[in-house]
All heavy atoms as atom14 arrays in JSON, in Angstrom:
{
  "sequence": "FILKDMGIPFGVTTFVILLMILLYTFEGGVKTIVYTDTLQTTFMLL",
  "atom14_mask": [
    [1, 1, 1, 1, 1, 1, 1, 1, 1, 1, 1, 0, 0, 0],
    [1, 1, 1, 1, 1, 1, 1, 1, 0, 0, 0, 0, 0, 0],
    [1, 1, 1, 1, 1, 1, 1, 1, 0, 0, 0, 0, 0, 0],
    [1, 1, 1, 1, 1, 1, 1, 1, 1, 0, 0, 0, 0, 0],
    [1, 1, 1, 1, 1, 1, 1, 1, 0, 0, 0, 0, 0, 0],
    [1, 1, 1, 1, 1, 1, 1, 1, 0, 0, 0, 0, 0, 0],
    [1, 1, 1, 1, 0, 0, 0, 0, 0, 0, 0, 0, 0, 0],
    [1, 1, 1, 1, 1, 1, 1, 1, 0, 0, 0, 0, 0, 0],
    [1, 1, 1, 1, 1, 1, 1, 0, 0, 0, 0, 0, 0, 0],
    [1, 1, 1, 1, 1, 1, 1, 1, 1, 1, 1, 0, 0, 0],
    [1, 1, 1, 1, 0, 0, 0, 0, 0, 0, 0, 0, 0, 0],
    [1, 1, 1, 1, 1, 1, 1, 0, 0, 0, 0, 0, 0, 0],
    [1, 1, 1, 1, 1, 1, 1, 0, 0, 0, 0, 0, 0, 0],
    [1, 1, 1, 1, 1, 1, 1, 0, 0, 0, 0, 0, 0, 0],
    [1, 1, 1, 1, 1, 1, 1, 1, 1, 1, 1, 0, 0, 0],
    [1, 1, 1, 1, 1, 1, 1, 0, 0, 0, 0, 0, 0, 0],
    [1, 1, 1, 1, 1, 1, 1, 1, 0, 0, 0, 0, 0, 0],
    [1, 1, 1, 1, 1, 1, 1, 1, 0, 0, 0, 0, 0, 0],
    [1, 1, 1, 1, 1, 1, 1, 1, 0, 0, 0, 0, 0, 0],
    [1, 1, 1, 1, 1, 1, 1, 1, 0, 0, 0, 0, 0, 0],
    [1, 1, 1, 1, 1, 1, 1, 1, 0, 0, 0, 0, 0, 0],
    [1, 1, 1, 1, 1, 1, 1, 1, 0, 0, 0, 0, 0, 0],
    [1, 1, 1, 1, 1, 1, 1, 1, 0, 0, 0, 0, 0, 0],
    [1, 1, 1, 1, 1, 1, 1, 1, 1, 1, 1, 1, 0, 0],
    [1, 1, 1, 1, 1, 1, 1, 0, 0, 0, 0, 0, 0, 0],
    [1, 1, 1, 1, 1, 1, 1, 1, 1, 1, 1, 0, 0, 0],
    [1, 1, 1, 1, 1, 1, 1, 1, 1, 0, 0, 0, 0, 0],
    [1, 1, 1, 1, 0, 0, 0, 0, 0, 0, 0, 0, 0, 0],
    [1, 1, 1, 1, 0, 0, 0, 0, 0, 0, 0, 0, 0, 0],
    [1, 1, 1, 1, 1, 1, 1, 0, 0, 0, 0, 0, 0, 0],
    [1, 1, 1, 1, 1, 1, 1, 1, 1, 0, 0, 0, 0, 0],
    [1, 1, 1, 1, 1, 1, 1, 0, 0, 0, 0, 0, 0, 0],
    [1, 1, 1, 1, 1, 1, 1, 1, 0, 0, 0, 0, 0, 0],
    [1, 1, 1, 1, 1, 1, 1, 0, 0, 0, 0, 0, 0, 0],
    [1, 1, 1, 1, 1, 1, 1, 1, 1, 1, 1, 1, 0, 0],
    [1, 1, 1, 1, 1, 1, 1, 0, 0, 0, 0, 0, 0, 0],
    [1, 1, 1, 1, 1, 1, 1, 1, 0, 0, 0, 0, 0, 0],
    [1, 1, 1, 1, 1, 1, 1, 0, 0, 0, 0, 0, 0, 0],
    [1, 1, 1, 1, 1, 1, 1, 1, 0, 0, 0, 0, 0, 0],
    [1, 1, 1, 1, 1, 1, 1, 1, 1, 0, 0, 0, 0, 0],
    [1, 1, 1, 1, 1, 1, 1, 0, 0, 0, 0, 0, 0, 0],
    [1, 1, 1, 1, 1, 1, 1, 0, 0, 0, 0, 0, 0, 0],
    [1, 1, 1, 1, 1, 1, 1, 1, 1, 1, 1, 0, 0, 0],
    [1, 1, 1, 1, 1, 1, 1, 1, 0, 0, 0, 0, 0, 0],
    [1, 1, 1, 1, 1, 1, 1, 1, 0, 0, 0, 0, 0, 0],
    [1, 1, 1, 1, 1, 1, 1, 1, 0, 0, 0, 0, 0, 0]
  ],
  "atom14_positions": [
    [[-12.57, 11.63, 277.51], [-12.8, 11.15, 276.15], [-14.17, 11.55, 275.57], [-14.37, 11.42, 274.36], [-12.66, 9.63, 276.1], [-11.24, 9.16, 276.31], [-10.82, 8.7, 277.54], [-10.33, 9.2, 275.27], [-9.52, 8.28, 277.75], [-9.03, 8.77, 275.45], [-8.62, 8.31, 276.69], [0.0, 0.0, 0.0], [0.0, 0.0, 0.0], [0.0, 0.0, 0.0]],
    [[-15.08, 12.03, 276.41], [-16.41, 12.38, 275.89], [-16.8, 13.8, 276.26], [-16.97, 14.67, 275.4], [-17.49, 11.39, 276.4], [-17.16, 9.96, 275.93], [-18.86, 11.8, 275.89], [-18.16, 8.93, 276.43], [0.0, 0.0, 0.0], [0.0, 0.0, 0.0], [0.0, 0.0, 0.0], [0.0, 0.0, 0.0], [0.0, 0.0, 0.0], [0.0, 0.0, 0.0]],
    [[-16.96, 14.07, 277.54], [-17.61, 15.3, 277.99], [-16.69, 16.52, 277.94], [-17.18, 17.65, 277.82], [-18.16, 15.1, 279.4], [-19.22, 13.98, 279.49], [-19.61, 13.72, 280.92], [-20.45, 14.33, 278.67], [0.0, 0.0, 0.0], [0.0, 0.0, 0.0], [0.0, 0.0, 0.0], [0.0, 0.0, 0.0], [0.0, 0.0, 0.0], [0.0, 0.0, 0.0]],
    [[-15.38, 16.31, 278.02], [-14.46, 17.44, 277.93], [-14.56, 18.12, 276.58], [-14.54, 19.35, 276.48], [-13.03, 16.96, 278.18], [-12.01, 18.09, 278.29], [-10.62, 17.52, 278.59], [-9.6, 18.64, 278.71], [-8.24, 18.09, 279.0], [0.0, 0.0, 0.0], [0.0, 0.0, 0.0], [0.0, 0.0, 0.0], [0.0, 0.0, 0.0], [0.0, 0.0, 0.0]],
    [[-14.69, 17.32, 275.51], [-14.83, 17.87, 274.16], [-16.14, 18.63, 273.98], [-16.27, 19.45, 273.07], [-14.76, 16.74, 273.11], [-13.38, 16.13, 273.02], [-12.41, 16.79, 273.47], [-13.24, 15.0, 272.52], [0.0, 0.0, 0.0], [0.0, 0.0, 0.0], [0.0, 0.0, 0.0], [0.0, 0.0, 0.0], [0.0, 0.0, 0.0], [0.0, 0.0, 0.0]],
    [[-17.11, 18.35, 274.85], [-18.39, 19.06, 274.79], [-18.39, 20.3, 275.68], [-19.42, 20.96, 275.84], [-19.52, 18.1, 275.22], [-19.65, 16.88, 274.31], [-20.72, 15.58, 274.99], [-22.28, 16.43, 275.05], [0.0, 0.0, 0.0], [0.0, 0.0, 0.0], [0.0, 0.0, 0.0], [0.0, 0.0, 0.0], [0.0, 0.0, 0.0], [0.0, 0.0, 0.0]],
    [[-17.22, 20.6, 276.28], [-17.09, 21.8, 277.1], [-17.67, 21.67, 278.49], [-17.93, 22.67, 279.15], [0.0, 0.0, 0.0], [0.0, 0.0, 0.0], [0.0, 0.0, 0.0], [0.0, 0.0, 0.0], [0.0, 0.0, 0.0], [0.0, 0.0, 0.0], [0.0, 0.0, 0.0], [0.0, 0.0, 0.0], [0.0, 0.0, 0.0], [0.0, 0.0, 0.0]],
    [[-17.86, 20.42, 278.97], [-18.45, 20.21, 280.29], [-17.34, 20.01, 281.32], [-16.5, 19.11, 281.16], [-19.39, 18.98, 280.27], [-20.52, 19.19, 279.26], [-19.96, 18.72, 281.67], [-21.43, 17.99, 279.08], [0.0, 0.0, 0.0], [0.0, 0.0, 0.0], [0.0, 0.0, 0.0], [0.0, 0.0, 0.0], [0.0, 0.0, 0.0], [0.0, 0.0, 0.0]],
    [[-17.28, 20.8, 282.38], [-16.23, 20.67, 283.4], [-16.31, 19.33, 284.14], [-17.37, 18.71, 284.21], [-16.51, 21.84, 284.36], [-17.38, 22.78, 283.6], [-18.18, 21.93, 282.66], [0.0, 0.0, 0.0], [0.0, 0.0, 0.0], [0.0, 0.0, 0.0], [0.0, 0.0, 0.0], [0.0, 0.0, 0.0], [0.0, 0.0, 0.0], [0.0, 0.0, 0.0]],
    [[-15.18, 18.91, 284.72], [-15.11, 17.65, 285.45], [-16.11, 17.61, 286.6], [-16.77, 16.59, 286.84], [-13.7, 17.41, 285.97], [-13.55, 16.14, 286.77], [-13.39, 14.92, 286.14], [-13.6, 16.16, 288.16], [-13.27, 13.75, 286.87], [-13.48, 15.0, 288.9], [-13.31, 13.79, 288.25], [0.0, 0.0, 0.0], [0.0, 0.0, 0.0], [0.0, 0.0, 0.0]],
    [[-16.24, 18.7, 287.34], [-17.16, 18.76, 288.47], [-18.59, 18.53, 288.06], [-19.36, 17.84, 288.75], [0.0, 0.0, 0.0], [0.0, 0.0, 0.0], [0.0, 0.0, 0.0], [0.0, 0.0, 0.0], [0.0, 0.0, 0.0], [0.0, 0.0, 0.0], [0.0, 0.0, 0.0], [0.0, 0.0, 0.0], [0.0, 0.0, 0.0], [0.0, 0.0, 0.0]],
    [[-18.96, 19.08, 286.91], [-20.33, 18.91, 286.4], [-20.55, 17.46, 285.97], [-21.6, 16.86, 286.22], [-20.61, 19.88, 285.23], [-21.99, 19.61, 284.63], [-20.51, 21.31, 285.71], [0.0, 0.0, 0.0], [0.0, 0.0, 0.0], [0.0, 0.0, 0.0], [0.0, 0.0, 0.0], [0.0, 0.0, 0.0], [0.0, 0.0, 0.0], [0.0, 0.0, 0.0]],
    [[-19.52, 16.87, 285.31], [-19.59, 15.46, 284.92], [-19.85, 14.58, 286.13], [-20.73, 13.7, 286.12], [-18.28, 15.03, 284.24], [-18.02, 15.85, 283.11], [-18.33, 13.57, 283.82], [0.0, 0.0, 0.0], [0.0, 0.0, 0.0], [0.0, 0.0, 0.0], [0.0, 0.0, 0.0], [0.0, 0.0, 0.0], [0.0, 0.0, 0.0], [0.0, 0.0, 0.0]],
    [[-19.1, 14.81, 287.19], [-19.24, 14.03, 288.41], [-20.63, 14.2, 289.02], [-21.28, 13.22, 289.42], [-18.17, 14.45, 289.44], [-16.87, 14.34, 288.84], [-18.24, 13.59, 290.68], [0.0, 0.0, 0.0], [0.0, 0.0, 0.0], [0.0, 0.0, 0.0], [0.0, 0.0, 0.0], [0.0, 0.0, 0.0], [0.0, 0.0, 0.0], [0.0, 0.0, 0.0]],
    [[-21.1, 15.44, 289.07], [-22.42, 15.72, 289.64], [-23.52, 15.0, 288.88], [-24.41, 14.39, 289.49], [-22.68, 17.23, 289.63], [-24.06, 17.61, 290.09], [-24.36, 17.68, 291.45], [-25.06, 17.89, 289.17], [-25.64, 18.02, 291.87], [-26.34, 18.24, 289.58], [-26.63, 18.3, 290.94], [0.0, 0.0, 0.0], [0.0, 0.0, 0.0], [0.0, 0.0, 0.0]],
    [[-23.47, 15.03, 287.57], [-24.52, 14.42, 286.74], [-24.54, 12.9, 286.93], [-25.61, 12.29, 287.08], [-24.32, 14.78, 285.26], [-25.24, 13.96, 284.37], [-24.57, 16.28, 285.04], [0.0, 0.0, 0.0], [0.0, 0.0, 0.0], [0.0, 0.0, 0.0], [0.0, 0.0, 0.0], [0.0, 0.0, 0.0], [0.0, 0.0, 0.0], [0.0, 0.0, 0.0]],
    [[-23.36, 12.27, 286.95], [-23.31, 10.81, 287.09], [-23.79, 10.39, 288.47], [-24.54, 9.41, 288.61], [-21.88, 10.31, 286.81], [-21.59, 10.45, 285.31], [-21.72, 8.85, 287.25], [-20.2, 10.08, 284.9], [0.0, 0.0, 0.0], [0.0, 0.0, 0.0], [0.0, 0.0, 0.0], [0.0, 0.0, 0.0], [0.0, 0.0, 0.0], [0.0, 0.0, 0.0]],
    [[-23.4, 11.13, 289.51], [-23.88, 10.8, 290.85], [-25.39, 11.01, 290.96], [-26.08, 10.26, 291.65], [-23.15, 11.66, 291.89], [-21.72, 11.23, 292.2], [-21.03, 12.25, 293.09], [-21.69, 9.86, 292.87], [0.0, 0.0, 0.0], [0.0, 0.0, 0.0], [0.0, 0.0, 0.0], [0.0, 0.0, 0.0], [0.0, 0.0, 0.0], [0.0, 0.0, 0.0]],
    [[-25.9, 12.02, 290.27], [-27.35, 12.24, 290.26], [-28.07, 11.07, 289.61], [-29.12, 10.62, 290.09], [-27.67, 13.54, 289.52], [-29.16, 13.93, 289.45], [-29.71, 14.16, 290.86], [-29.34, 15.19, 288.59], [0.0, 0.0, 0.0], [0.0, 0.0, 0.0], [0.0, 0.0, 0.0], [0.0, 0.0, 0.0], [0.0, 0.0, 0.0], [0.0, 0.0, 0.0]],
    [[-27.49, 10.52, 288.53], [-28.07, 9.34, 287.88], [-28.15, 8.17, 288.86], [-29.19, 7.5, 288.99], [-27.2, 8.92, 286.68], [-27.23, 9.87, 285.5], [-26.12, 9.25, 284.2], [-26.35, 10.51, 282.93], [0.0, 0.0, 0.0], [0.0, 0.0, 0.0], [0.0, 0.0, 0.0], [0.0, 0.0, 0.0], [0.0, 0.0, 0.0], [0.0, 0.0, 0.0]],
    [[-27.05, 7.92, 289.55], [-26.99, 6.8, 290.5], [-28.0, 7.02, 291.63], [-28.71, 6.09, 292.05], [-25.56, 6.65, 291.05], [-24.6, 6.28, 289.92], [-25.52, 5.6, 292.16], [-23.15, 6.39, 290.3], [0.0, 0.0, 0.0], [0.0, 0.0, 0.0], [0.0, 0.0, 0.0], [0.0, 0.0, 0.0], [0.0, 0.0, 0.0], [0.0, 0.0, 0.0]],
    [[-28.07, 8.24, 292.1], [-28.99, 8.57, 293.19], [-30.44, 8.32, 292.79], [-31.23, 7.77, 293.56], [-28.8, 10.04, 293.58], [-29.56, 10.55, 294.81], [-29.07, 9.86, 296.07], [-29.4, 12.06, 294.94], [0.0, 0.0, 0.0], [0.0, 0.0, 0.0], [0.0, 0.0, 0.0], [0.0, 0.0, 0.0], [0.0, 0.0, 0.0], [0.0, 0.0, 0.0]],
    [[-30.79, 8.68, 291.56], [-32.16, 8.56, 291.1], [-32.64, 7.12, 291.07], [-33.76, 6.81, 291.5], [-32.32, 9.2, 289.71], [-32.32, 10.73, 289.66], [-32.34, 11.21, 288.21], [-33.53, 11.29, 290.41], [0.0, 0.0, 0.0], [0.0, 0.0, 0.0], [0.0, 0.0, 0.0], [0.0, 0.0, 0.0], [0.0, 0.0, 0.0], [0.0, 0.0, 0.0]],
    [[-31.81, 6.19, 290.59], [-32.33, 4.83, 290.43], [-32.11, 3.96, 291.67], [-32.58, 2.81, 291.72], [-31.8, 4.15, 289.16], [-30.41, 3.56, 289.19], [-30.17, 2.31, 289.73], [-29.34, 4.25, 288.64], [-28.92, 1.76, 289.73], [-28.07, 3.7, 288.62], [-27.87, 2.46, 289.18], [-26.61, 1.92, 289.17], [0.0, 0.0, 0.0], [0.0, 0.0, 0.0]],
    [[-31.41, 4.49, 292.69], [-31.3, 3.74, 293.95], [-32.14, 4.35, 295.06], [-32.2, 3.8, 296.16], [-29.83, 3.69, 294.43], [-29.36, 5.04, 294.66], [-28.94, 3.01, 293.42], [0.0, 0.0, 0.0], [0.0, 0.0, 0.0], [0.0, 0.0, 0.0], [0.0, 0.0, 0.0], [0.0, 0.0, 0.0], [0.0, 0.0, 0.0], [0.0, 0.0, 0.0]],
    [[-32.82, 5.45, 294.79], [-33.44, 6.26, 295.84], [-34.52, 5.5, 296.6], [-34.65, 5.63, 297.81], [-34.03, 7.53, 295.23], [-34.25, 8.64, 296.21], [-33.2, 9.11, 296.99], [-35.49, 9.21, 296.38], [-33.38, 10.13, 297.9], [-35.7, 10.24, 297.29], [-34.63, 10.69, 298.05], [0.0, 0.0, 0.0], [0.0, 0.0, 0.0], [0.0, 0.0, 0.0]],
    [[-35.31, 4.69, 295.91], [-36.43, 4.01, 296.55], [-36.17, 2.53, 296.8], [-36.4, 2.02, 297.88], [-37.69, 4.17, 295.69], [-38.28, 5.57, 295.71], [-38.76, 6.0, 297.09], [-39.14, 5.12, 297.9], [-38.72, 7.2, 297.39], [0.0, 0.0, 0.0], [0.0, 0.0, 0.0], [0.0, 0.0, 0.0], [0.0, 0.0, 0.0], [0.0, 0.0, 0.0]],
    [[-35.71, 1.82, 295.77], [-35.66, 0.36, 295.85], [-34.51, -0.21, 296.65], [-34.61, -1.3, 297.2], [0.0, 0.0, 0.0], [0.0, 0.0, 0.0], [0.0, 0.0, 0.0], [0.0, 0.0, 0.0], [0.0, 0.0, 0.0], [0.0, 0.0, 0.0], [0.0, 0.0, 0.0], [0.0, 0.0, 0.0], [0.0, 0.0, 0.0], [0.0, 0.0, 0.0]],
    [[-33.36, 0.5, 296.72], [-32.22, 0.01, 297.47], [-31.75, -1.34, 296.98], [-31.56, -1.57, 295.78], [0.0, 0.0, 0.0], [0.0, 0.0, 0.0], [0.0, 0.0, 0.0], [0.0, 0.0, 0.0], [0.0, 0.0, 0.0], [0.0, 0.0, 0.0], [0.0, 0.0, 0.0], [0.0, 0.0, 0.0], [0.0, 0.0, 0.0], [0.0, 0.0, 0.0]],
    [[-31.53, -2.28, 297.92], [-31.01, -3.61, 297.58], [-31.93, -4.34, 296.62], [-31.48, -5.02, 295.69], [-30.81, -4.45, 298.86], [-30.47, -5.89, 298.53], [-29.7, -3.84, 299.7], [0.0, 0.0, 0.0], [0.0, 0.0, 0.0], [0.0, 0.0, 0.0], [0.0, 0.0, 0.0], [0.0, 0.0, 0.0], [0.0, 0.0, 0.0], [0.0, 0.0, 0.0]],
    [[-33.24, -4.22, 296.81], [-34.19, -4.91, 295.94], [-33.97, -4.52, 294.47], [-34.02, -5.37, 293.58], [-35.62, -4.57, 296.36], [-36.69, -5.31, 295.58], [-38.08, -4.96, 296.09], [-39.16, -5.67, 295.27], [-40.52, -5.3, 295.73], [0.0, 0.0, 0.0], [0.0, 0.0, 0.0], [0.0, 0.0, 0.0], [0.0, 0.0, 0.0], [0.0, 0.0, 0.0]],
    [[-33.73, -3.23, 294.22], [-33.47, -2.76, 292.86], [-32.09, -3.18, 292.38], [-31.91, -3.63, 291.25], [-33.6, -1.23, 292.8], [-34.96, -0.87, 293.02], [-33.15, -0.69, 291.45], [0.0, 0.0, 0.0], [0.0, 0.0, 0.0], [0.0, 0.0, 0.0], [0.0, 0.0, 0.0], [0.0, 0.0, 0.0], [0.0, 0.0, 0.0], [0.0, 0.0, 0.0]],
    [[-31.09, -3.05, 293.26], [-29.71, -3.28, 292.87], [-29.45, -4.72, 292.45], [-28.66, -4.98, 291.54], [-28.77, -2.85, 294.02], [-28.72, -1.32, 294.1], [-27.36, -3.4, 293.84], [-28.03, -0.79, 295.32], [0.0, 0.0, 0.0], [0.0, 0.0, 0.0], [0.0, 0.0, 0.0], [0.0, 0.0, 0.0], [0.0, 0.0, 0.0], [0.0, 0.0, 0.0]],
    [[-30.13, -5.68, 293.07], [-29.96, -7.08, 292.68], [-30.26, -7.25, 291.19], [-29.55, -7.98, 290.48], [-30.88, -7.99, 293.53], [-30.97, -9.39, 292.92], [-30.35, -8.08, 294.96], [0.0, 0.0, 0.0], [0.0, 0.0, 0.0], [0.0, 0.0, 0.0], [0.0, 0.0, 0.0], [0.0, 0.0, 0.0], [0.0, 0.0, 0.0], [0.0, 0.0, 0.0]],
    [[-31.27, -6.55, 290.68], [-31.64, -6.67, 289.27], [-30.77, -5.8, 288.36], [-30.34, -6.25, 287.29], [-33.12, -6.3, 289.08], [-34.06, -7.35, 289.63], [-34.56, -7.24, 290.92], [-34.41, -8.46, 288.88], [-35.41, -8.22, 291.44], [-35.26, -9.43, 289.39], [-35.76, -9.3, 290.67], [-36.59, -10.27, 291.19], [0.0, 0.0, 0.0], [0.0, 0.0, 0.0]],
    [[-30.5, -4.56, 288.77], [-29.67, -3.69, 287.92], [-28.24, -4.22, 287.82], [-27.62, -4.13, 286.76], [-29.66, -2.24, 288.45], [-29.23, -2.23, 289.81], [-31.04, -1.62, 288.34], [0.0, 0.0, 0.0], [0.0, 0.0, 0.0], [0.0, 0.0, 0.0], [0.0, 0.0, 0.0], [0.0, 0.0, 0.0], [0.0, 0.0, 0.0], [0.0, 0.0, 0.0]],
    [[-27.72, -4.8, 288.9], [-26.37, -5.36, 288.85], [-26.29, -6.55, 287.91], [-25.27, -6.77, 287.25], [-25.91, -5.77, 290.25], [-25.47, -4.59, 291.1], [-25.56, -3.44, 290.6], [-25.03, -4.8, 292.24], [0.0, 0.0, 0.0], [0.0, 0.0, 0.0], [0.0, 0.0, 0.0], [0.0, 0.0, 0.0], [0.0, 0.0, 0.0], [0.0, 0.0, 0.0]],
    [[-27.35, -7.35, 287.86], [-27.39, -8.48, 286.93], [-27.32, -7.99, 285.48], [-26.55, -8.52, 284.66], [-28.68, -9.31, 287.13], [-28.7, -9.79, 288.47], [-28.74, -10.48, 286.16], [0.0, 0.0, 0.0], [0.0, 0.0, 0.0], [0.0, 0.0, 0.0], [0.0, 0.0, 0.0], [0.0, 0.0, 0.0], [0.0, 0.0, 0.0], [0.0, 0.0, 0.0]],
    [[-28.1, -6.96, 285.18], [-28.1, -6.38, 283.84], [-26.72, -5.81, 283.51], [-26.18, -6.05, 282.42], [-29.16, -5.26, 283.78], [-29.23, -4.45, 282.48], [-29.76, -5.31, 281.35], [-30.13, -3.23, 282.68], [0.0, 0.0, 0.0], [0.0, 0.0, 0.0], [0.0, 0.0, 0.0], [0.0, 0.0, 0.0], [0.0, 0.0, 0.0], [0.0, 0.0, 0.0]],
    [[-26.14, -5.1, 284.45], [-24.87, -4.42, 284.2], [-23.71, -5.4, 284.09], [-22.8, -5.21, 283.28], [-24.62, -3.39, 285.32], [-25.61, -2.25, 285.21], [-25.65, -1.36, 286.44], [-25.79, -0.17, 286.32], [-25.54, -1.92, 287.63], [0.0, 0.0, 0.0], [0.0, 0.0, 0.0], [0.0, 0.0, 0.0], [0.0, 0.0, 0.0], [0.0, 0.0, 0.0]],
    [[-23.74, -6.46, 284.88], [-22.69, -7.48, 284.78], [-22.72, -8.13, 283.4], [-21.67, -8.41, 282.8], [-22.87, -8.55, 285.87], [-22.75, -7.93, 287.16], [-21.82, -9.64, 285.75], [0.0, 0.0, 0.0], [0.0, 0.0, 0.0], [0.0, 0.0, 0.0], [0.0, 0.0, 0.0], [0.0, 0.0, 0.0], [0.0, 0.0, 0.0], [0.0, 0.0, 0.0]],
    [[-23.92, -8.37, 282.88], [-24.06, -8.95, 281.54], [-23.39, -8.08, 280.49], [-22.59, -8.56, 279.67], [-25.56, -9.13, 281.19], [-26.17, -9.97, 282.15], [-25.71, -9.74, 279.8], [0.0, 0.0, 0.0], [0.0, 0.0, 0.0], [0.0, 0.0, 0.0], [0.0, 0.0, 0.0], [0.0, 0.0, 0.0], [0.0, 0.0, 0.0], [0.0, 0.0, 0.0]],
    [[-23.67, -6.78, 280.51], [-23.08, -5.87, 279.53], [-21.57, -5.76, 279.7], [-20.83, -5.67, 278.71], [-23.72, -4.49, 279.64], [-25.07, -4.38, 279.01], [-26.18, -3.99, 279.74], [-25.25, -4.68, 277.66], [-27.43, -3.89, 279.15], [-26.5, -4.59, 277.06], [-27.59, -4.19, 277.81], [0.0, 0.0, 0.0], [0.0, 0.0, 0.0], [0.0, 0.0, 0.0]],
    [[-21.1, -5.77, 280.94], [-19.66, -5.66, 281.17], [-18.91, -6.87, 280.63], [-17.88, -6.74, 279.96], [-19.38, -5.5, 282.67], [-17.9, -5.27, 282.97], [-17.55, -5.12, 284.72], [-17.86, -6.79, 285.26], [0.0, 0.0, 0.0], [0.0, 0.0, 0.0], [0.0, 0.0, 0.0], [0.0, 0.0, 0.0], [0.0, 0.0, 0.0], [0.0, 0.0, 0.0]],
    [[-19.44, -8.07, 280.89], [-18.78, -9.28, 280.41], [-18.85, -9.38, 278.89], [-17.89, -9.86, 278.25], [-19.4, -10.51, 281.06], [-19.22, -10.61, 282.58], [-19.87, -11.89, 283.11], [-17.75, -10.57, 282.96], [0.0, 0.0, 0.0], [0.0, 0.0, 0.0], [0.0, 0.0, 0.0], [0.0, 0.0, 0.0], [0.0, 0.0, 0.0], [0.0, 0.0, 0.0]],
    [[-19.96, -8.94, 278.31], [-20.05, -8.92, 276.84], [-18.99, -7.98, 276.26], [-18.35, -8.3, 275.26], [-21.44, -8.48, 276.41], [-22.55, -9.54, 276.5], [-23.91, -8.93, 276.18], [-22.26, -10.7, 275.55], [0.0, 0.0, 0.0], [0.0, 0.0, 0.0], [0.0, 0.0, 0.0], [0.0, 0.0, 0.0], [0.0, 0.0, 0.0], [0.0, 0.0, 0.0]]
  ]
}
């Protein structure tokens, strides 16, 4: 619904999203995830 129309292949889409996840979990691990999950749960329920 988004990236295909921009001419981006599925493999590239997957790589970019995994890179995003890797970047923000790389150092903090569980300590970071406790806070990011709280933020994300709020947006999901909204």
